[in-house]
Amino acid sequence: MSTGDKSEEFYNKLRAQLYETATWPTEYLYKFIVKSDTKNIKGVESLFNNLGAVINTTESKNGNYTSISINVMMKDPDAVISKYKEVAENVKGVISL
C-alpha cells in the first residue's frame, strides 16, 4: 500500500503508537520501496536533505526495485507522519513500510 492510500485513521493510530513507544526527539527509521529509477531514488533522498539522515539503498535481485532505508532524528510523531505524507505526494509509486 502506498502512503498516499493511507487514511487519517491510519495516521492517528501511528501517531498514538509512536508516542507510546519512544521518547521524543528520537532517531526514526523510514523504509521505502521505489522502482529502480534514478529520479525516484533521488526524489526520496532529496526530501531528507539537510536533516542529517543516513540513507542506504539496496536494489532488488532483478534490479526492478530499490529499497531505501533512512535513519534520521525526528522531533515528534507529527514530524514523522508529515514526512511520510511529503514523500507520498512527491514520489510517484512509492511504497512505505
PDB file of N, CA and C in Angstrom:
ATOM      1  N   MET A   1       0.852  -1.180   0.000  1.00  0.00           N
ATOM      2  CA  MET A   1       0.000   0.000   0.000  1.00  0.00           C
ATOM      3  C   MET A   1       0.891   1.235   0.000  1.00  0.00           C
ATOM      4  N   SER A   2       0.637   2.118  -0.889  1.00  0.00           N
ATOM      5  CA  SER A   2       1.425   3.349  -0.918  1.00  0.00           C
ATOM      6  C   SER A   2       0.942   4.274   0.189  1.00  0.00           C
ATOM      7  N   THR A   3       1.797   5.176   0.607  1.00  0.00           N
ATOM      8  CA  THR A   3       1.447   6.097   1.675  1.00  0.00           C
ATOM      9  C   THR A   3       0.245   6.940   1.281  1.00  0.00           C
ATOM     10  N   GLY A   4       0.118   7.281   0.018  1.00  0.00           N
ATOM     11  CA  GLY A   4      -0.987   8.098  -0.447  1.00  0.00           C
ATOM     12  C   GLY A   4      -2.340   7.429  -0.256  1.00  0.00           C
ATOM     13  N   ASP A   5      -2.360   6.102  -0.119  1.00  0.00           N
ATOM     14  CA  ASP A   5      -3.599   5.360   0.065  1.00  0.00           C
ATOM     15  C   ASP A   5      -4.000   5.254   1.532  1.00  0.00           C
ATOM     16  N   LYS A   6      -3.142   5.688   2.433  1.00  0.00           N
ATOM     17  CA  LYS A   6      -3.411   5.533   3.857  1.00  0.00           C
ATOM     18  C   LYS A   6      -4.326   6.635   4.361  1.00  0.00           C
ATOM     19  N   SER A   7      -5.222   6.265   5.247  1.00  0.00           N
ATOM     20  CA  SER A   7      -6.225   7.193   5.753  1.00  0.00           C
ATOM     21  C   SER A   7      -5.730   7.952   6.976  1.00  0.00           C
ATOM     22  N   GLU A   8      -6.476   8.970   7.326  1.00  0.00           N
ATOM     23  CA  GLU A   8      -6.163   9.724   8.543  1.00  0.00           C
ATOM     24  C   GLU A   8      -6.275   8.829   9.764  1.00  0.00           C
ATOM     25  N   GLU A   9      -7.193   7.865   9.713  1.00  0.00           N
ATOM     26  CA  GLU A   9      -7.333   6.918  10.824  1.00  0.00           C
ATOM     27  C   GLU A   9      -6.024   6.157  11.029  1.00  0.00           C
ATOM     28  N   PHE A  10      -5.412   5.727   9.912  1.00  0.00           N
ATOM     29  CA  PHE A  10      -4.125   5.033   9.989  1.00  0.00           C
ATOM     30  C   PHE A  10      -3.076   5.934  10.647  1.00  0.00           C
ATOM     31  N   TYR A  11      -3.014   7.190  10.210  1.00  0.00           N
ATOM     32  CA  TYR A  11      -2.012   8.112  10.762  1.00  0.00           C
ATOM     33  C   TYR A  11      -2.279   8.420  12.228  1.00  0.00           C
ATOM     34  N   ASN A  12      -3.541   8.495  12.631  1.00  0.00           N
ATOM     35  CA  ASN A  12      -3.860   8.726  14.043  1.00  0.00           C
ATOM     36  C   ASN A  12      -3.402   7.563  14.907  1.00  0.00           C
ATOM     37  N   LYS A  13      -3.582   6.335  14.410  1.00  0.00           N
ATOM     38  CA  LYS A  13      -3.112   5.145  15.143  1.00  0.00           C
ATOM     39  C   LYS A  13      -1.589   5.133  15.213  1.00  0.00           C
ATOM     40  N   LEU A  14      -0.950   5.465  14.098  1.00  0.00           N
ATOM     41  CA  LEU A  14       0.512   5.511  14.073  1.00  0.00           C
ATOM     42  C   LEU A  14       1.024   6.561  15.049  1.00  0.00           C
ATOM     43  N   ARG A  15       0.405   7.732  15.059  1.00  0.00           N
ATOM     44  CA  ARG A  15       0.805   8.814  15.965  1.00  0.00           C
ATOM     45  C   ARG A  15       0.743   8.348  17.421  1.00  0.00           C
ATOM     46  N   ALA A  16      -0.364   7.716  17.797  1.00  0.00           N
ATOM     47  CA  ALA A  16      -0.530   7.221  19.164  1.00  0.00           C
ATOM     48  C   ALA A  16       0.523   6.169  19.494  1.00  0.00           C
ATOM     49  N   GLN A  17       0.769   5.275  18.554  1.00  0.00           N
ATOM     50  CA  GLN A  17       1.764   4.221  18.741  1.00  0.00           C
ATOM     51  C   GLN A  17       3.171   4.811  18.928  1.00  0.00           C
ATOM     52  N   LEU A  18       3.495   5.806  18.121  1.00  0.00           N
ATOM     53  CA  LEU A  18       4.819   6.426  18.221  1.00  0.00           C
ATOM     54  C   LEU A  18       5.000   7.149  19.552  1.00  0.00           C
ATOM     55  N   TYR A  19       3.964   7.814  20.031  1.00  0.00           N
ATOM     56  CA  TYR A  19       4.051   8.485  21.337  1.00  0.00           C
ATOM     57  C   TYR A  19       4.263   7.479  22.461  1.00  0.00           C
ATOM     58  N   GLU A  20       3.652   6.294  22.326  1.00  0.00           N
ATOM     59  CA  GLU A  20       3.754   5.268  23.368  1.00  0.00           C
ATOM     60  C   GLU A  20       5.103   4.564  23.382  1.00  0.00           C
ATOM     61  N   THR A  21       5.732   4.423  22.218  1.00  0.00           N
ATOM     62  CA  THR A  21       6.907   3.558  22.118  1.00  0.00           C
ATOM     63  C   THR A  21       8.245   4.280  22.113  1.00  0.00           C
ATOM     64  N   ALA A  22       8.228   5.612  22.131  1.00  0.00           N
ATOM     65  CA  ALA A  22       9.509   6.319  22.055  1.00  0.00           C
ATOM     66  C   ALA A  22       9.479   7.594  22.884  1.00  0.00           C
ATOM     67  N   THR A  23      10.677   8.020  23.270  1.00  0.00           N
ATOM     68  CA  THR A  23      10.845   9.312  23.924  1.00  0.00           C
ATOM     69  C   THR A  23      11.348  10.265  22.855  1.00  0.00           C
ATOM     70  N   TRP A  24      10.660  11.371  22.697  1.00  0.00           N
ATOM     71  CA  TRP A  24      10.951  12.294  21.602  1.00  0.00           C
ATOM     72  C   TRP A  24      11.764  13.474  22.076  1.00  0.00           C
ATOM     73  N   PRO A  25      12.671  13.991  21.216  1.00  0.00           N
ATOM     74  CA  PRO A  25      13.022  13.531  19.859  1.00  0.00           C
ATOM     75  C   PRO A  25      13.755  12.186  19.908  1.00  0.00           C
ATOM     76  N   THR A  26      13.667  11.477  18.788  1.00  0.00           N
ATOM     77  CA  THR A  26      14.310  10.168  18.683  1.00  0.00           C
ATOM     78  C   THR A  26      14.724   9.902  17.242  1.00  0.00           C
ATOM     79  N   GLU A  27      15.601   8.921  17.090  1.00  0.00           N
ATOM     80  CA  GLU A  27      16.004   8.503  15.760  1.00  0.00           C
ATOM     81  C   GLU A  27      14.906   7.595  15.208  1.00  0.00           C
ATOM     82  N   TYR A  28      14.491   7.842  13.977  1.00  0.00           N
ATOM     83  CA  TYR A  28      13.415   7.074  13.354  1.00  0.00           C
ATOM     84  C   TYR A  28      13.916   6.458  12.058  1.00  0.00           C
ATOM     85  N   LEU A  29      13.503   5.219  11.796  1.00  0.00           N
ATOM     86  CA  LEU A  29      13.912   4.516  10.581  1.00  0.00           C
ATOM     87  C   LEU A  29      12.745   4.456   9.609  1.00  0.00           C
ATOM     88  N   TYR A  30      12.894   5.141   8.488  1.00  0.00           N
ATOM     89  CA  TYR A  30      11.923   5.088   7.394  1.00  0.00           C
ATOM     90  C   TYR A  30      12.372   4.012   6.427  1.00  0.00           C
ATOM     91  N   LYS A  31      11.410   3.305   5.834  1.00  0.00           N
ATOM     92  CA  LYS A  31      11.717   2.342   4.778  1.00  0.00           C
ATOM     93  C   LYS A  31      10.742   2.573   3.637  1.00  0.00           C
ATOM     94  N   PHE A  32      11.305   2.724   2.448  1.00  0.00           N
ATOM     95  CA  PHE A  32      10.506   2.941   1.247  1.00  0.00           C
ATOM     96  C   PHE A  32      10.970   1.988   0.160  1.00  0.00           C
ATOM     97  N   ILE A  33      10.060   1.667  -0.755  1.00  0.00           N
ATOM     98  CA  ILE A  33      10.410   0.887  -1.936  1.00  0.00           C
ATOM     99  C   ILE A  33       9.940   1.681  -3.147  1.00  0.00           C
ATOM    100  N   VAL A  34      10.838   1.821  -4.126  1.00  0.00           N
ATOM    101  CA  VAL A  34      10.516   2.532  -5.361  1.00  0.00           C
ATOM    102  C   VAL A  34      11.011   1.710  -6.546  1.00  0.00           C
ATOM    103  N   LYS A  35      10.451   1.985  -7.724  1.00  0.00           N
ATOM    104  CA  LYS A  35      11.001   1.383  -8.944  1.00  0.00           C
ATOM    105  C   LYS A  35      12.435   1.885  -9.081  1.00  0.00           C
ATOM    106  N   SER A  36      13.315   1.016  -9.535  1.00  0.00           N
ATOM    107  CA  SER A  36      14.733   1.366  -9.662  1.00  0.00           C
ATOM    108  C   SER A  36      14.933   2.360 -10.797  1.00  0.00           C
ATOM    109  N   ASP A  37      14.699   3.593 -10.492  1.00  0.00           N
ATOM    110  CA  ASP A  37      14.833   4.706 -11.427  1.00  0.00           C
ATOM    111  C   ASP A  37      15.525   5.819 -10.644  1.00  0.00           C
ATOM    112  N   THR A  38      16.574   6.361 -11.196  1.00  0.00           N
ATOM    113  CA  THR A  38      17.345   7.397 -10.507  1.00  0.00           C
ATOM    114  C   THR A  38      16.455   8.541 -10.036  1.00  0.00           C
ATOM    115  N   LYS A  39      15.477   8.913 -10.838  1.00  0.00           N
ATOM    116  CA  LYS A  39      14.571  10.006 -10.479  1.00  0.00           C
ATOM    117  C   LYS A  39      13.803   9.686  -9.190  1.00  0.00           C
ATOM    118  N   ASN A  40      13.294   8.453  -9.077  1.00  0.00           N
ATOM    119  CA  ASN A  40      12.552   8.048  -7.879  1.00  0.00           C
ATOM    120  C   ASN A  40      13.446   8.018  -6.648  1.00  0.00           C
ATOM    121  N   ILE A  41      14.625   7.429  -6.794  1.00  0.00           N
ATOM    122  CA  ILE A  41      15.548   7.305  -5.666  1.00  0.00           C
ATOM    123  C   ILE A  41      15.988   8.689  -5.197  1.00  0.00           C
ATOM    124  N   LYS A  42      16.408   9.516  -6.126  1.00  0.00           N
ATOM    125  CA  LYS A  42      16.841  10.877  -5.783  1.00  0.00           C
ATOM    126  C   LYS A  42      15.676  11.696  -5.220  1.00  0.00           C
ATOM    127  N   GLY A  43      14.464  11.420  -5.712  1.00  0.00           N
ATOM    128  CA  GLY A  43      13.288  12.123  -5.209  1.00  0.00           C
ATOM    129  C   GLY A  43      13.074  11.881  -3.729  1.00  0.00           C
ATOM    130  N   VAL A  44      13.201  10.620  -3.308  1.00  0.00           N
ATOM    131  CA  VAL A  44      13.061  10.296  -1.886  1.00  0.00           C
ATOM    132  C   VAL A  44      14.220  10.901  -1.105  1.00  0.00           C
ATOM    133  N   GLU A  45      15.434  10.671  -1.571  1.00  0.00           N
ATOM    134  CA  GLU A  45      16.616  11.168  -0.851  1.00  0.00           C
ATOM    135  C   GLU A  45      16.584  12.682  -0.673  1.00  0.00           C
ATOM    136  N   SER A  46      16.148  13.404  -1.690  1.00  0.00           N
ATOM    137  CA  SER A  46      16.156  14.866  -1.622  1.00  0.00           C
ATOM    138  C   SER A  46      15.223  15.410  -0.539  1.00  0.00           C
ATOM    139  N   LEU A  47      14.178  14.667  -0.211  1.00  0.00           N
ATOM    140  CA  LEU A  47      13.242  15.117   0.817  1.00  0.00           C
ATOM    141  C   LEU A  47      13.824  15.016   2.226  1.00  0.00           C
ATOM    142  N   PHE A  48      14.970  14.351   2.345  1.00  0.00           N
ATOM    143  CA  PHE A  48      15.629  14.220   3.643  1.00  0.00           C
ATOM    144  C   PHE A  48      16.947  14.995   3.693  1.00  0.00           C
ATOM    145  N   ASN A  49      17.208  15.804   2.654  1.00  0.00           N
ATOM    146  CA  ASN A  49      18.410  16.646   2.641  1.00  0.00           C
ATOM    147  C   ASN A  49      18.395  17.581   3.846  1.00  0.00           C
ATOM    148  N   ASN A  50      19.548  17.893   4.344  1.00  0.00           N
ATOM    149  CA  ASN A  50      19.736  18.843   5.443  1.00  0.00           C
ATOM    150  C   ASN A  50      19.111  18.397   6.761  1.00  0.00           C
ATOM    151  N   LEU A  51      18.804  17.107   6.895  1.00  0.00           N
ATOM    152  CA  LEU A  51      18.271  16.599   8.158  1.00  0.00           C
ATOM    153  C   LEU A  51      19.278  15.700   8.871  1.00  0.00           C
ATOM    154  N   GLY A  52      20.446  15.539   8.288  1.00  0.00           N
ATOM    155  CA  GLY A  52      21.461  14.673   8.885  1.00  0.00           C
ATOM    156  C   GLY A  52      21.111  13.196   8.762  1.00  0.00           C
ATOM    157  N   ALA A  53      20.333  12.854   7.765  1.00  0.00           N
ATOM    158  CA  ALA A  53      19.872  11.474   7.577  1.00  0.00           C
ATOM    159  C   ALA A  53      20.985  10.571   7.054  1.00  0.00           C
ATOM    160  N   VAL A  54      20.961   9.316   7.518  1.00  0.00           N
ATOM    161  CA  VAL A  54      21.829   8.275   6.984  1.00  0.00           C
ATOM    162  C   VAL A  54      20.948   7.441   6.060  1.00  0.00           C
ATOM    163  N   ILE A  55      21.308   7.424   4.768  1.00  0.00           N
ATOM    164  CA  ILE A  55      20.472   6.786   3.756  1.00  0.00           C
ATOM    165  C   ILE A  55      21.216   5.606   3.142  1.00  0.00           C
ATOM    166  N   ASN A  56      20.535   4.449   3.118  1.00  0.00           N
ATOM    167  CA  ASN A  56      21.077   3.250   2.487  1.00  0.00           C
ATOM    168  C   ASN A  56      20.086   2.752   1.443  1.00  0.00           C
ATOM    169  N   THR A  57      20.608   2.364   0.288  1.00  0.00           N
ATOM    170  CA  THR A  57      19.751   1.821  -0.764  1.00  0.00           C
ATOM    171  C   THR A  57      20.207   0.410  -1.109  1.00  0.00           C
ATOM    172  N   THR A  58      19.229  -0.438  -1.424  1.00  0.00           N
ATOM    173  CA  THR A  58      19.511  -1.813  -1.829  1.00  0.00           C
ATOM    174  C   THR A  58      18.619  -2.143  -3.013  1.00  0.00           C
ATOM    175  N   GLU A  59      19.249  -2.558  -4.104  1.00  0.00           N
ATOM    176  CA  GLU A  59      18.496  -2.917  -5.300  1.00  0.00           C
ATOM    177  C   GLU A  59      18.012  -4.359  -5.182  1.00  0.00           C
ATOM    178  N   SER A  60      16.812  -4.627  -5.701  1.00  0.00           N
ATOM    179  CA  SER A  60      16.275  -5.986  -5.675  1.00  0.00           C
ATOM    180  C   SER A  60      17.111  -6.912  -6.555  1.00  0.00           C
ATOM    181  N   LYS A  61      16.915  -8.201  -6.376  1.00  0.00           N
ATOM    182  CA  LYS A  61      17.689  -9.205  -7.115  1.00  0.00           C
ATOM    183  C   LYS A  61      17.622  -8.984  -8.618  1.00  0.00           C
ATOM    184  N   ASN A  62      16.448  -8.672  -9.139  1.00  0.00           N
ATOM    185  CA  ASN A  62      16.288  -8.460 -10.579  1.00  0.00           C
ATOM    186  C   ASN A  62      16.542  -7.015 -10.993  1.00  0.00           C
ATOM    187  N   GLY A  63      16.771  -6.142 -10.031  1.00  0.00           N
ATOM    188  CA  GLY A  63      17.069  -4.750 -10.341  1.00  0.00           C
ATOM    189  C   GLY A  63      15.860  -3.895 -10.668  1.00  0.00           C
ATOM    190  N   ASN A  64      14.658  -4.429 -10.464  1.00  0.00           N
ATOM    191  CA  ASN A  64      13.454  -3.670 -10.796  1.00  0.00           C
ATOM    192  C   ASN A  64      13.065  -2.663  -9.721  1.00  0.00           C
ATOM    193  N   TYR A  65      13.394  -2.983  -8.480  1.00  0.00           N
ATOM    194  CA  TYR A  65      13.013  -2.123  -7.357  1.00  0.00           C
ATOM    195  C   TYR A  65      14.213  -1.825  -6.486  1.00  0.00           C
ATOM    196  N   THR A  66      14.121  -0.719  -5.760  1.00  0.00           N
ATOM    197  CA  THR A  66      15.168  -0.333  -4.817  1.00  0.00           C
ATOM    198  C   THR A  66      14.515  -0.029  -3.483  1.00  0.00           C
ATOM    199  N   SER A  67      15.068  -0.610  -2.417  1.00  0.00           N
ATOM    200  CA  SER A  67      14.586  -0.258  -1.078  1.00  0.00           C
ATOM    201  C   SER A  67      15.493   0.848  -0.545  1.00  0.00           C
ATOM    202  N   ILE A  68      14.873   1.789   0.117  1.00  0.00           N
ATOM    203  CA  ILE A  68      15.600   2.928   0.671  1.00  0.00           C
ATOM    204  C   ILE A  68      15.330   2.967   2.168  1.00  0.00           C
ATOM    205  N   SER A  69      16.379   2.841   2.964  1.00  0.00           N
ATOM    206  CA  SER A  69      16.272   2.939   4.424  1.00  0.00           C
ATOM    207  C   SER A  69      16.880   4.261   4.841  1.00  0.00           C
ATOM    208  N   ILE A  70      16.133   5.005   5.639  1.00  0.00           N
ATOM    209  CA  ILE A  70      16.581   6.337   6.047  1.00  0.00           C
ATOM    210  C   ILE A  70      16.487   6.443   7.561  1.00  0.00           C
ATOM    211  N   ASN A  71      17.625   6.629   8.200  1.00  0.00           N
ATOM    212  CA  ASN A  71      17.693   6.803   9.642  1.00  0.00           C
ATOM    213  C   ASN A  71      17.904   8.289   9.913  1.00  0.00           C
ATOM    214  N   VAL A  72      16.978   8.891  10.649  1.00  0.00           N
ATOM    215  CA  VAL A  72      17.044  10.332  10.842  1.00  0.00           C
ATOM    216  C   VAL A  72      16.441  10.718  12.192  1.00  0.00           C
ATOM    217  N   MET A  73      16.971  11.744  12.819  1.00  0.00           N
ATOM    218  CA  MET A  73      16.440  12.255  14.073  1.00  0.00           C
ATOM    219  C   MET A  73      15.170  13.057  13.779  1.00  0.00           C
ATOM    220  N   MET A  74      14.082  12.682  14.437  1.00  0.00           N
ATOM    221  CA  MET A  74      12.807  13.381  14.254  1.00  0.00           C
ATOM    222  C   MET A  74      12.358  13.942  15.597  1.00  0.00           C
ATOM    223  N   LYS A  75      11.708  15.113  15.549  1.00  0.00           N
ATOM    224  CA  LYS A  75      11.364  15.801  16.803  1.00  0.00           C
ATOM    225  C   LYS A  75      10.133  15.235  17.491  1.00  0.00           C
ATOM    226  N   ASP A  76       9.172  14.705  16.722  1.00  0.00           N
ATOM    227  CA  ASP A  76       7.968  14.145  17.323  1.00  0.00           C
ATOM    228  C   ASP A  76       7.202  13.332  16.276  1.00  0.00           C
ATOM    229  N   PRO A  77       6.171  12.578  16.707  1.00  0.00           N
ATOM    230  CA  PRO A  77       5.398  11.757  15.762  1.00  0.00           C
ATOM    231  C   PRO A  77       4.756  12.559  14.634  1.00  0.00           C
ATOM    232  N   ASP A  78       4.354  13.796  14.895  1.00  0.00           N
ATOM    233  CA  ASP A  78       3.755  14.607  13.828  1.00  0.00           C
ATOM    234  C   ASP A  78       4.768  14.880  12.720  1.00  0.00           C
ATOM    235  N   ALA A  79       6.033  15.077  13.084  1.00  0.00           N
ATOM    236  CA  ALA A  79       7.081  15.293  12.083  1.00  0.00           C
ATOM    237  C   ALA A  79       7.298  14.023  11.258  1.00  0.00           C
ATOM    238  N   VAL A  80       7.229  12.861  11.911  1.00  0.00           N
ATOM    239  CA  VAL A  80       7.379  11.582  11.213  1.00  0.00           C
ATOM    240  C   VAL A  80       6.270  11.420  10.173  1.00  0.00           C
ATOM    241  N   ILE A  81       5.042  11.658  10.586  1.00  0.00           N
ATOM    242  CA  ILE A  81       3.884  11.500   9.703  1.00  0.00           C
ATOM    243  C   ILE A  81       3.912  12.522   8.572  1.00  0.00           C
ATOM    244  N   SER A  82       4.296  13.732   8.894  1.00  0.00           N
ATOM    245  CA  SER A  82       4.402  14.775   7.881  1.00  0.00           C
ATOM    246  C   SER A  82       5.378  14.370   6.775  1.00  0.00           C
ATOM    247  N   LYS A  83       6.484  13.753   7.165  1.00  0.00           N
ATOM    248  CA  LYS A  83       7.485  13.328   6.188  1.00  0.00           C
ATOM    249  C   LYS A  83       6.945  12.187   5.315  1.00  0.00           C
ATOM    250  N   TYR A  84       6.219  11.243   5.928  1.00  0.00           N
ATOM    251  CA  TYR A  84       5.590  10.176   5.134  1.00  0.00           C
ATOM    252  C   TYR A  84       4.671  10.769   4.073  1.00  0.00           C
ATOM    253  N   LYS A  85       3.857  11.719   4.466  1.00  0.00           N
ATOM    254  CA  LYS A  85       2.919  12.348   3.535  1.00  0.00           C
ATOM    255  C   LYS A  85       3.656  13.117   2.447  1.00  0.00           C
ATOM    256  N   GLU A  86       4.730  13.807   2.809  1.00  0.00           N
ATOM    257  CA  GLU A  86       5.518  14.566   1.835  1.00  0.00           C
ATOM    258  C   GLU A  86       6.113  13.639   0.782  1.00  0.00           C
ATOM    259  N   VAL A  87       6.643  12.498   1.218  1.00  0.00           N
ATOM    260  CA  VAL A  87       7.208  11.531   0.272  1.00  0.00           C
ATOM    261  C   VAL A  87       6.116  11.013  -0.655  1.00  0.00           C
ATOM    262  N   ALA A  88       4.952  10.663  -0.099  1.00  0.00           N
ATOM    263  CA  ALA A  88       3.856  10.137  -0.916  1.00  0.00           C
ATOM    264  C   ALA A  88       3.388  11.141  -1.963  1.00  0.00           C
ATOM    265  N   GLU A  89       3.391  12.420  -1.614  1.00  0.00           N
ATOM    266  CA  GLU A  89       2.945  13.464  -2.536  1.00  0.00           C
ATOM    267  C   GLU A  89       3.953  13.761  -3.630  1.00  0.00           C
ATOM    268  N   ASN A  90       5.232  13.524  -3.354  1.00  0.00           N
ATOM    269  CA  ASN A  90       6.284  13.949  -4.274  1.00  0.00           C
ATOM    270  C   ASN A  90       6.957  12.843  -5.076  1.00  0.00           C
ATOM    271  N   VAL A  91       6.774  11.585  -4.684  1.00  0.00           N
ATOM    272  CA  VAL A  91       7.450  10.481  -5.376  1.00  0.00           C
ATOM    273  C   VAL A  91       6.389   9.495  -5.876  1.00  0.00           C
ATOM    274  N   LYS A  92       6.258   9.430  -7.183  1.00  0.00           N
ATOM    275  CA  LYS A  92       5.228   8.578  -7.800  1.00  0.00           C
ATOM    276  C   LYS A  92       5.507   7.104  -7.539  1.00  0.00           C
ATOM    277  N   GLY A  93       4.471   6.391  -7.080  1.00  0.00           N
ATOM    278  CA  GLY A  93       4.563   4.941  -6.924  1.00  0.00           C
ATOM    279  C   GLY A  93       5.352   4.465  -5.718  1.00  0.00           C
ATOM    280  N   VAL A  94       5.691   5.352  -4.790  1.00  0.00           N
ATOM    281  CA  VAL A  94       6.469   4.936  -3.619  1.00  0.00           C
ATOM    282  C   VAL A  94       5.610   4.064  -2.709  1.00  0.00           C
ATOM    283  N   ILE A  95       6.237   3.067  -2.121  1.00  0.00           N
ATOM    284  CA  ILE A  95       5.599   2.216  -1.126  1.00  0.00           C
ATOM    285  C   ILE A  95       6.331   2.446   0.180  1.00  0.00           C
ATOM    286  N   SER A  96       5.589   2.742   1.225  1.00  0.00           N
ATOM    287  CA  SER A  96       6.223   2.953   2.526  1.00  0.00           C
ATOM    288  C   SER A  96       5.945   1.741   3.394  1.00  0.00           C
ATOM    289  N   LEU A  97       6.941   1.380   4.172  1.00  0.00           N
ATOM    290  CA  LEU A  97       6.808   0.212   5.060  1.00  0.00           C
ATOM    291  C   LEU A  97       6.857   0.652   6.504  1.00  0.00           C
TER     292      LEU A  97
END
